[in-house]
């Protein structure tokens, strides 16, 4: 059974990230989900946008965890195979 349910999908997609340039992925592991962000992409954002984005990620984690599905933050160094603006 997938943890990335329609309810979780709605939570993640309903509230858009503060910056359209912010790249993140939802990754499903056997017993939990992660919201994966990429350090190189995050660091390109202006400082005020980094603060807003960090607060947005925290809220997303809280909302997904409230469904009973464990969800964690995962940080990778760089965006794989994607062009960063």
N, C-alpha and C. Protein backbone atom coordinates (compact mmCIF):
# COMPACT_ATOMS: atom_id res chain seq x y z
N UNK A 1 0.83 -1.18 0.00
CA UNK A 1 0.00 0.00 0.00
C UNK A 1 0.88 1.25 0.00
N UNK A 2 0.57 2.17 -0.87
CA UNK A 2 1.36 3.39 -0.98
C UNK A 2 1.06 4.35 0.17
N UNK A 3 2.10 4.96 0.70
CA UNK A 3 1.94 5.98 1.74
C UNK A 3 1.58 7.33 1.12
N UNK A 4 1.90 7.49 -0.15
CA UNK A 4 1.62 8.74 -0.84
C UNK A 4 0.18 8.71 -1.33
N UNK A 5 -0.73 8.85 -0.40
CA UNK A 5 -2.17 8.75 -0.66
C UNK A 5 -2.70 10.02 -1.31
N UNK A 6 -3.94 9.96 -1.75
CA UNK A 6 -4.57 11.16 -2.32
C UNK A 6 -4.61 12.29 -1.31
N UNK A 7 -4.84 11.96 -0.03
CA UNK A 7 -4.87 12.98 1.03
C UNK A 7 -3.51 13.67 1.15
N UNK A 8 -2.44 12.88 1.17
CA UNK A 8 -1.09 13.46 1.27
C UNK A 8 -0.79 14.28 0.01
N UNK A 9 -1.16 13.77 -1.13
CA UNK A 9 -0.93 14.48 -2.39
C UNK A 9 -1.61 15.85 -2.37
N UNK A 10 -2.85 15.89 -1.87
CA UNK A 10 -3.56 17.18 -1.77
C UNK A 10 -2.84 18.13 -0.82
N UNK A 11 -2.37 17.60 0.30
CA UNK A 11 -1.65 18.45 1.27
C UNK A 11 -0.42 19.07 0.62
N UNK A 12 0.36 18.25 -0.06
CA UNK A 12 1.61 18.73 -0.65
C UNK A 12 1.36 19.69 -1.81
N UNK A 13 0.32 19.46 -2.58
CA UNK A 13 0.07 20.28 -3.77
C UNK A 13 -0.79 21.51 -3.51
N UNK A 14 -1.57 21.53 -2.42
CA UNK A 14 -2.51 22.62 -2.16
C UNK A 14 -1.80 23.94 -1.87
N UNK A 15 -0.83 23.92 -1.00
CA UNK A 15 -0.12 25.15 -0.63
C UNK A 15 1.20 25.18 -1.41
N UNK A 16 1.28 26.08 -2.34
CA UNK A 16 2.46 26.18 -3.19
C UNK A 16 3.66 26.72 -2.40
N UNK A 17 4.85 26.28 -2.82
CA UNK A 17 6.09 26.77 -2.21
C UNK A 17 6.19 28.28 -2.45
N UNK A 18 6.81 29.00 -1.52
CA UNK A 18 6.93 30.45 -1.64
C UNK A 18 7.65 30.93 -2.91
N UNK A 19 8.53 30.11 -3.42
CA UNK A 19 9.26 30.48 -4.64
C UNK A 19 9.02 29.44 -5.72
N UNK A 20 8.74 29.89 -6.91
CA UNK A 20 8.54 28.94 -8.01
C UNK A 20 9.86 28.30 -8.43
N UNK A 21 10.99 28.83 -7.95
CA UNK A 21 12.30 28.29 -8.28
C UNK A 21 12.77 27.24 -7.28
N UNK A 22 12.02 27.04 -6.22
CA UNK A 22 12.39 26.06 -5.21
C UNK A 22 12.03 24.66 -5.70
N UNK A 23 13.01 23.76 -5.68
CA UNK A 23 12.80 22.39 -6.14
C UNK A 23 12.79 21.46 -4.94
N UNK A 24 11.75 20.63 -4.87
CA UNK A 24 11.67 19.61 -3.83
C UNK A 24 10.97 18.40 -4.41
N UNK A 25 11.16 17.27 -3.79
CA UNK A 25 10.51 16.04 -4.21
C UNK A 25 9.89 15.36 -3.00
N UNK A 26 8.86 14.58 -3.25
CA UNK A 26 8.29 13.72 -2.22
C UNK A 26 8.79 12.32 -2.54
N UNK A 27 9.49 11.73 -1.57
CA UNK A 27 10.09 10.41 -1.76
C UNK A 27 9.41 9.42 -0.82
N UNK A 28 9.03 8.28 -1.37
CA UNK A 28 8.37 7.26 -0.56
C UNK A 28 9.36 6.14 -0.25
N UNK A 29 9.54 5.88 1.03
CA UNK A 29 10.30 4.74 1.52
C UNK A 29 9.29 3.71 2.02
N UNK A 30 9.71 2.50 2.35
CA UNK A 30 8.74 1.49 2.77
C UNK A 30 7.86 1.88 3.97
N UNK A 31 8.40 2.65 4.91
CA UNK A 31 7.62 2.97 6.12
C UNK A 31 7.42 4.46 6.37
N UNK A 32 7.90 5.32 5.50
CA UNK A 32 7.74 6.76 5.71
C UNK A 32 7.92 7.50 4.39
N UNK A 33 7.58 8.78 4.42
CA UNK A 33 7.81 9.68 3.29
C UNK A 33 8.87 10.69 3.70
N UNK A 34 9.52 11.26 2.72
CA UNK A 34 10.39 12.41 2.99
C UNK A 34 10.06 13.52 2.01
N UNK A 35 10.24 14.74 2.47
CA UNK A 35 10.25 15.89 1.58
C UNK A 35 11.73 16.18 1.37
N UNK A 36 12.18 15.98 0.16
CA UNK A 36 13.60 16.13 -0.15
C UNK A 36 13.84 17.50 -0.76
N UNK A 37 14.75 18.23 -0.17
CA UNK A 37 15.15 19.51 -0.74
C UNK A 37 16.63 19.43 -1.10
N UNK A 38 17.06 20.38 -1.91
CA UNK A 38 18.43 20.36 -2.44
C UNK A 38 19.14 21.64 -2.02
N UNK A 39 20.24 21.45 -1.31
CA UNK A 39 20.98 22.58 -0.73
C UNK A 39 21.40 23.61 -1.78
N UNK A 40 21.93 23.16 -2.91
CA UNK A 40 22.40 24.12 -3.91
C UNK A 40 21.26 24.97 -4.45
N UNK A 41 20.09 24.39 -4.63
CA UNK A 41 18.92 25.13 -5.08
C UNK A 41 18.43 26.10 -4.00
N UNK A 42 18.36 25.64 -2.78
CA UNK A 42 17.89 26.45 -1.65
C UNK A 42 18.79 27.67 -1.45
N UNK A 43 20.09 27.48 -1.57
CA UNK A 43 21.03 28.58 -1.34
C UNK A 43 20.98 29.65 -2.42
N UNK A 44 20.39 29.35 -3.56
CA UNK A 44 20.24 30.35 -4.62
C UNK A 44 19.10 31.33 -4.34
N UNK A 45 18.21 30.97 -3.43
CA UNK A 45 17.08 31.84 -3.11
C UNK A 45 17.54 33.04 -2.30
N UNK A 46 16.90 34.19 -2.45
CA UNK A 46 17.21 35.34 -1.59
C UNK A 46 16.94 34.97 -0.13
N UNK A 47 17.60 35.65 0.78
CA UNK A 47 17.51 35.30 2.20
C UNK A 47 16.06 35.28 2.72
N UNK A 48 15.27 36.29 2.38
CA UNK A 48 13.89 36.32 2.86
C UNK A 48 13.08 35.14 2.32
N UNK A 49 13.38 34.72 1.09
CA UNK A 49 12.69 33.58 0.49
C UNK A 49 13.15 32.27 1.13
N UNK A 50 14.41 32.19 1.55
CA UNK A 50 14.88 30.98 2.26
C UNK A 50 14.14 30.82 3.58
N UNK A 51 13.93 31.92 4.29
CA UNK A 51 13.18 31.87 5.55
C UNK A 51 11.75 31.41 5.29
N UNK A 52 11.09 32.01 4.33
CA UNK A 52 9.71 31.63 3.99
C UNK A 52 9.62 30.17 3.55
N UNK A 53 10.60 29.73 2.79
CA UNK A 53 10.61 28.36 2.30
C UNK A 53 10.84 27.38 3.43
N UNK A 54 11.72 27.70 4.36
CA UNK A 54 11.95 26.82 5.52
C UNK A 54 10.68 26.71 6.36
N UNK A 55 9.98 27.80 6.54
CA UNK A 55 8.72 27.78 7.30
C UNK A 55 7.67 26.98 6.55
N UNK A 56 7.62 27.10 5.24
CA UNK A 56 6.69 26.35 4.41
C UNK A 56 6.96 24.85 4.52
N UNK A 57 8.25 24.46 4.45
CA UNK A 57 8.60 23.04 4.57
C UNK A 57 8.19 22.49 5.93
N UNK A 58 8.41 23.26 6.98
CA UNK A 58 8.03 22.83 8.33
C UNK A 58 6.51 22.61 8.41
N UNK A 59 5.76 23.50 7.83
CA UNK A 59 4.30 23.37 7.82
C UNK A 59 3.86 22.14 7.02
N UNK A 60 4.49 21.91 5.89
CA UNK A 60 4.16 20.73 5.10
C UNK A 60 4.42 19.45 5.89
N UNK A 61 5.56 19.39 6.58
CA UNK A 61 5.89 18.22 7.39
C UNK A 61 4.83 18.00 8.47
N UNK A 62 4.43 19.07 9.15
CA UNK A 62 3.41 18.96 10.19
C UNK A 62 2.09 18.45 9.63
N UNK A 63 1.69 18.97 8.49
CA UNK A 63 0.41 18.58 7.90
C UNK A 63 0.41 17.12 7.45
N UNK A 64 1.50 16.67 6.85
CA UNK A 64 1.57 15.27 6.42
C UNK A 64 1.62 14.36 7.65
N UNK A 65 2.43 14.70 8.64
CA UNK A 65 2.51 13.89 9.86
C UNK A 65 1.17 13.80 10.58
N UNK A 66 0.35 14.83 10.47
CA UNK A 66 -0.97 14.84 11.11
C UNK A 66 -1.90 13.79 10.52
N UNK A 67 -1.59 13.29 9.32
CA UNK A 67 -2.41 12.23 8.72
C UNK A 67 -2.09 10.87 9.30
N UNK A 68 -1.02 10.80 10.11
CA UNK A 68 -0.60 9.52 10.67
C UNK A 68 0.51 8.85 9.87
N UNK A 69 0.92 9.49 8.79
CA UNK A 69 2.00 8.95 7.97
C UNK A 69 3.29 9.68 8.34
N UNK A 70 4.31 8.94 8.79
CA UNK A 70 5.56 9.59 9.15
C UNK A 70 6.20 10.28 7.94
N UNK A 71 6.62 11.52 8.15
CA UNK A 71 7.23 12.30 7.08
C UNK A 71 8.39 13.09 7.66
N UNK A 72 9.52 13.06 6.97
CA UNK A 72 10.74 13.69 7.45
C UNK A 72 11.32 14.60 6.38
N UNK A 73 12.21 15.47 6.78
CA UNK A 73 12.94 16.33 5.86
C UNK A 73 14.24 15.63 5.48
N UNK A 74 14.56 15.65 4.21
CA UNK A 74 15.78 15.05 3.71
C UNK A 74 16.49 16.11 2.87
N UNK A 75 17.77 16.32 3.12
CA UNK A 75 18.51 17.35 2.39
C UNK A 75 19.63 16.70 1.59
N UNK A 76 19.61 16.91 0.29
CA UNK A 76 20.67 16.44 -0.59
C UNK A 76 21.49 17.66 -1.00
N UNK A 77 22.74 17.43 -1.35
CA UNK A 77 23.63 18.53 -1.70
C UNK A 77 23.25 19.22 -3.01
N UNK A 78 22.88 18.44 -4.02
CA UNK A 78 22.60 19.08 -5.31
C UNK A 78 21.43 18.41 -6.02
N UNK A 79 20.82 19.17 -6.88
CA UNK A 79 19.68 18.70 -7.66
C UNK A 79 20.21 17.73 -8.72
N UNK A 80 19.67 16.50 -8.77
CA UNK A 80 20.15 15.53 -9.77
C UNK A 80 19.57 15.82 -11.14
N UNK A 81 20.42 15.89 -12.13
CA UNK A 81 20.00 15.98 -13.53
C UNK A 81 19.00 17.07 -13.84
N UNK A 82 19.08 18.17 -13.13
CA UNK A 82 18.18 19.29 -13.40
C UNK A 82 18.99 20.56 -13.52
N UNK A 83 18.50 21.44 -14.33
CA UNK A 83 19.14 22.74 -14.48
C UNK A 83 18.61 23.67 -13.41
N UNK A 84 19.48 24.33 -12.71
CA UNK A 84 19.10 25.28 -11.68
C UNK A 84 19.15 26.68 -12.26
N UNK A 85 18.13 27.48 -12.01
CA UNK A 85 18.03 28.85 -12.55
C UNK A 85 18.89 29.79 -11.76
